Each structure stands twice: as C-alpha cells, then as structure tokens.
Amino acid sequence: MIKSKYVVVIGALLALSMIFGYIEMLLPSFLPNPAFKIGFSQIPILLTFYLINLKSSATVSIGKVLLMSLLFGYFLNYLFFVNIIGAIFSIFFIWLSKQLKFSVPMTSLMSSLGHNLGQFIVIGYTLGWSIALFYLPLIIVFSIIFGLIIGFISKILLIKIEKRF
C-alpha cells in the first residue's frame, strides 16, 4: 500500500473506532454493570487487522485508548490502565487467533475475551479478586455474545470492503 494511502486509511479507521467508542459512552447501559460495553469500536480494529496487518491493528487499538483518554481526561489514571491492558490483551488474542487460523467471528470472540481478561486481571489486582470474580461469569457470557455479534458485523463489512479495497 502506498504510504500516504496507508496513513489515511489508518487515520480513518482510528477516527471511526473513536467515534464508535464515544457513541457507546453516550448510550445508556442495559447490561448489569454500566462499565460493560458492546464493543462497536472493535469493528475498525478488526477491519484494520484483516485489511492491513496486526501491527496496524495494534496502532489503531492503542491509539484509540491513548486519544480517548486524553480527550476525556482519564490519561494515566485507573480507567486508562484498565483500558490499555485490555487493548494489549485483545491484540495478543487477535495474534493468537491468526496463528490458529480462526474465522473473523472467532477472532472477534477471542479479542473480546482477551480484552475482558486483561481488564479482569487489573480489576482483580486493584479492587480485589472477590469483586472481579463476582463479575467473571457475566464477563464471559457477554464476551461470547458480543464478540460473535461484532465478528459477524465485521465479516459482512469485510466482504463489502474487500471488493473495493
């Protein structure tokens, strides 16, 4: 890919991920914990992975966490560390899915589980394992459900985009 096109595509996908993340922040939570999110901002990250590569996907994911934390005033505080560890685990699980040759929905599910596992570990160490373990069953269930939903949406978008990309 031409360098200028690459920068534009990465910038657009990062912006889209941030927009989805912001919209999700505005939506009222129908889940048992207001911190639980569906994960729409993961769609551009998955698209980046499949259209470009893992490194670019990591750039979008980490970039989203950094820029969102700067925009909304939680850079280097507790929420930042929960999110950045979740993003790092998510990228690792995407890499693992690539090694195992998983489908797009399964890669999304693994990414969702990885993200939530990273957050679970941070919460367990900082707030206590009893709180973290209380939410563990819900985290797993929602990771599976929303990970697959985001994966199927991403798969449909990839089919449409790959024809033009």
Protein backbone atom coordinates (compact mmCIF):
# COMPACT_ATOMS: atom_id res chain seq x y z
CA MET A 1 0.00 0.00 0.00
CA ILE A 2 1.27 3.49 -0.81
CA LYS A 3 2.45 5.24 2.36
CA SER A 4 0.08 8.20 2.02
CA LYS A 5 -2.88 5.88 1.43
CA TYR A 6 -1.79 3.79 4.44
CA VAL A 7 -1.71 6.86 6.72
CA VAL A 8 -5.14 7.98 5.51
CA VAL A 9 -6.69 4.53 5.98
CA ILE A 10 -5.18 4.08 9.46
CA GLY A 11 -6.28 7.59 10.44
CA ALA A 12 -9.81 6.97 9.18
CA LEU A 13 -10.09 3.63 10.99
CA LEU A 14 -8.71 5.16 14.20
CA ALA A 15 -11.21 8.02 13.95
CA LEU A 16 -14.03 5.57 13.30
CA SER A 17 -13.01 3.49 16.31
CA MET A 18 -13.01 6.63 18.47
CA ILE A 19 -16.41 7.71 17.16
CA PHE A 20 -17.88 4.29 17.91
CA GLY A 21 -16.29 4.37 21.36
CA TYR A 22 -17.72 7.82 22.05
CA ILE A 23 -21.20 6.81 20.89
CA GLU A 24 -21.01 3.78 23.16
CA MET A 25 -20.11 6.04 26.08
CA LEU A 26 -23.27 8.06 25.41
CA LEU A 27 -25.60 5.08 25.18
CA PRO A 28 -27.34 4.04 28.38
CA SER A 29 -26.18 0.65 29.57
CA PHE A 30 -28.79 -2.09 29.55
CA LEU A 31 -26.25 -4.50 30.99
CA PRO A 32 -25.89 -5.31 34.71
CA ASN A 33 -22.80 -3.13 35.05
CA PRO A 34 -22.53 0.27 33.34
CA ALA A 35 -18.88 -0.49 32.52
CA PHE A 36 -19.96 -3.34 30.20
CA LYS A 37 -19.96 -2.20 26.59
CA ILE A 38 -20.94 -3.97 23.37
CA GLY A 39 -17.63 -3.15 21.70
CA PHE A 40 -18.55 -1.42 18.45
CA SER A 41 -15.17 0.32 18.47
CA GLN A 42 -13.62 -3.11 17.93
CA ILE A 43 -15.04 -3.25 14.38
CA PRO A 44 -12.47 -0.83 12.88
CA ILE A 45 -9.70 -2.64 14.79
CA LEU A 46 -10.73 -5.97 13.26
CA LEU A 47 -11.06 -4.37 9.83
CA THR A 48 -7.54 -2.99 10.19
CA PHE A 49 -6.24 -6.44 11.11
CA TYR A 50 -7.84 -8.16 8.13
CA LEU A 51 -7.30 -5.40 5.56
CA ILE A 52 -3.76 -4.40 6.55
CA ASN A 53 -1.95 -6.27 9.34
CA LEU A 54 -1.62 -6.91 13.07
CA LYS A 55 0.82 -4.05 13.68
CA SER A 56 -1.60 -1.56 12.16
CA SER A 57 -4.44 -3.05 14.16
CA ALA A 58 -2.40 -2.58 17.34
CA THR A 59 -1.73 1.02 16.31
CA VAL A 60 -5.46 1.70 15.95
CA SER A 61 -6.31 -0.08 19.21
CA ILE A 62 -3.62 1.56 21.35
CA GLY A 63 -4.12 4.88 19.57
CA LYS A 64 -7.82 4.80 20.40
CA VAL A 65 -7.14 4.23 24.09
CA LEU A 66 -4.50 6.97 24.22
CA LEU A 67 -6.54 9.57 22.33
CA MET A 68 -9.82 8.80 24.11
CA SER A 69 -8.09 9.06 27.49
CA LEU A 70 -6.58 12.42 26.53
CA LEU A 71 -9.90 13.73 25.17
CA PHE A 72 -11.96 12.64 28.16
CA GLY A 73 -9.47 13.34 30.93
CA TYR A 74 -8.53 9.91 32.19
CA PHE A 75 -4.98 9.67 30.82
CA LEU A 76 -2.73 7.78 33.27
CA ASN A 77 -5.49 7.20 35.81
CA TYR A 78 -7.15 3.93 36.77
CA LEU A 79 -9.55 3.79 33.79
CA PHE A 80 -6.65 4.37 31.40
CA PHE A 81 -4.71 1.41 32.76
CA VAL A 82 -7.78 -0.85 32.69
CA ASN A 83 -8.35 0.10 29.04
CA ILE A 84 -4.73 -0.10 27.87
CA ILE A 85 -4.22 -3.54 29.43
CA GLY A 86 -7.50 -4.68 27.85
CA ALA A 87 -6.30 -3.41 24.46
CA ILE A 88 -2.93 -5.15 24.79
CA PHE A 89 -4.57 -8.45 25.74
CA SER A 90 -7.05 -8.03 22.88
CA ILE A 91 -4.24 -7.59 20.34
CA PHE A 92 -2.42 -10.61 21.75
CA PHE A 93 -5.57 -12.71 21.36
CA ILE A 94 -6.01 -11.45 17.78
CA TRP A 95 -2.43 -12.58 17.10
CA LEU A 96 -3.20 -15.95 18.71
CA SER A 97 -6.33 -16.29 16.56
CA LYS A 98 -4.23 -15.64 13.46
CA GLN A 99 -1.84 -18.42 14.46
CA LEU A 100 -4.80 -20.77 14.94
CA LYS A 101 -6.38 -19.62 11.63
CA PHE A 102 -9.70 -18.68 13.23
CA SER A 103 -12.58 -17.14 11.30
CA VAL A 104 -13.47 -13.46 11.66
CA PRO A 105 -16.25 -14.10 14.22
CA MET A 106 -13.99 -16.40 16.26
CA THR A 107 -11.15 -13.86 16.12
CA SER A 108 -13.57 -11.22 17.38
CA LEU A 109 -14.74 -13.53 20.16
CA MET A 110 -11.12 -14.20 21.17
CA SER A 111 -10.36 -10.49 21.05
CA SER A 112 -13.36 -9.78 23.26
CA LEU A 113 -12.34 -12.47 25.74
CA GLY A 114 -8.76 -11.18 25.73
CA HIS A 115 -9.84 -7.59 26.30
CA ASN A 116 -12.05 -8.58 29.20
CA LEU A 117 -9.44 -10.94 30.63
CA GLY A 118 -6.93 -8.08 30.71
CA GLN A 119 -9.43 -5.82 32.42
CA PHE A 120 -10.42 -8.62 34.82
CA ILE A 121 -6.79 -9.05 35.90
CA VAL A 122 -6.31 -5.31 36.50
CA ILE A 123 -9.56 -5.09 38.45
CA GLY A 124 -8.69 -8.20 40.45
CA TYR A 125 -5.31 -6.84 41.47
CA THR A 126 -6.54 -3.34 42.26
CA LEU A 127 -10.09 -3.68 43.60
CA GLY A 128 -9.91 -7.22 44.90
CA TRP A 129 -10.50 -10.65 43.48
CA SER A 130 -13.90 -11.06 45.14
CA ILE A 131 -15.29 -8.15 43.09
CA ALA A 132 -13.62 -9.38 39.90
CA LEU A 133 -14.76 -12.98 40.41
CA PHE A 134 -18.33 -11.82 41.06
CA TYR A 135 -18.48 -10.42 37.52
CA LEU A 136 -16.49 -13.20 35.83
CA PRO A 137 -19.48 -15.31 34.66
CA LEU A 138 -21.16 -12.22 33.19
CA ILE A 139 -17.91 -11.11 31.56
CA ILE A 140 -17.53 -14.49 29.86
CA VAL A 141 -21.15 -14.62 28.66
CA PHE A 142 -21.14 -11.06 27.33
CA SER A 143 -17.71 -11.55 25.73
CA ILE A 144 -19.03 -14.54 23.81
CA ILE A 145 -22.32 -12.92 22.76
CA PHE A 146 -20.97 -9.50 21.80
CA GLY A 147 -17.69 -10.86 20.46
CA LEU A 148 -19.61 -13.01 17.97
CA ILE A 149 -22.03 -10.20 17.06
CA ILE A 150 -19.14 -7.80 16.38
CA GLY A 151 -17.36 -10.58 14.47
CA PHE A 152 -20.32 -11.23 12.18
CA ILE A 153 -20.76 -7.49 11.54
CA SER A 154 -17.04 -7.23 10.76
CA LYS A 155 -17.23 -10.22 8.42
CA ILE A 156 -20.09 -8.64 6.46
CA LEU A 157 -18.21 -5.34 6.24
CA LEU A 158 -15.02 -7.09 5.13
CA ILE A 159 -16.84 -8.80 2.28
CA LYS A 160 -18.18 -5.42 1.12
CA ILE A 161 -14.91 -3.53 1.62
CA GLU A 162 -12.53 -6.11 0.11
CA LYS A 163 -14.25 -5.67 -3.24
CA ARG A 164 -13.21 -2.01 -3.24
CA PHE A 165 -10.00 -2.01 -1.20
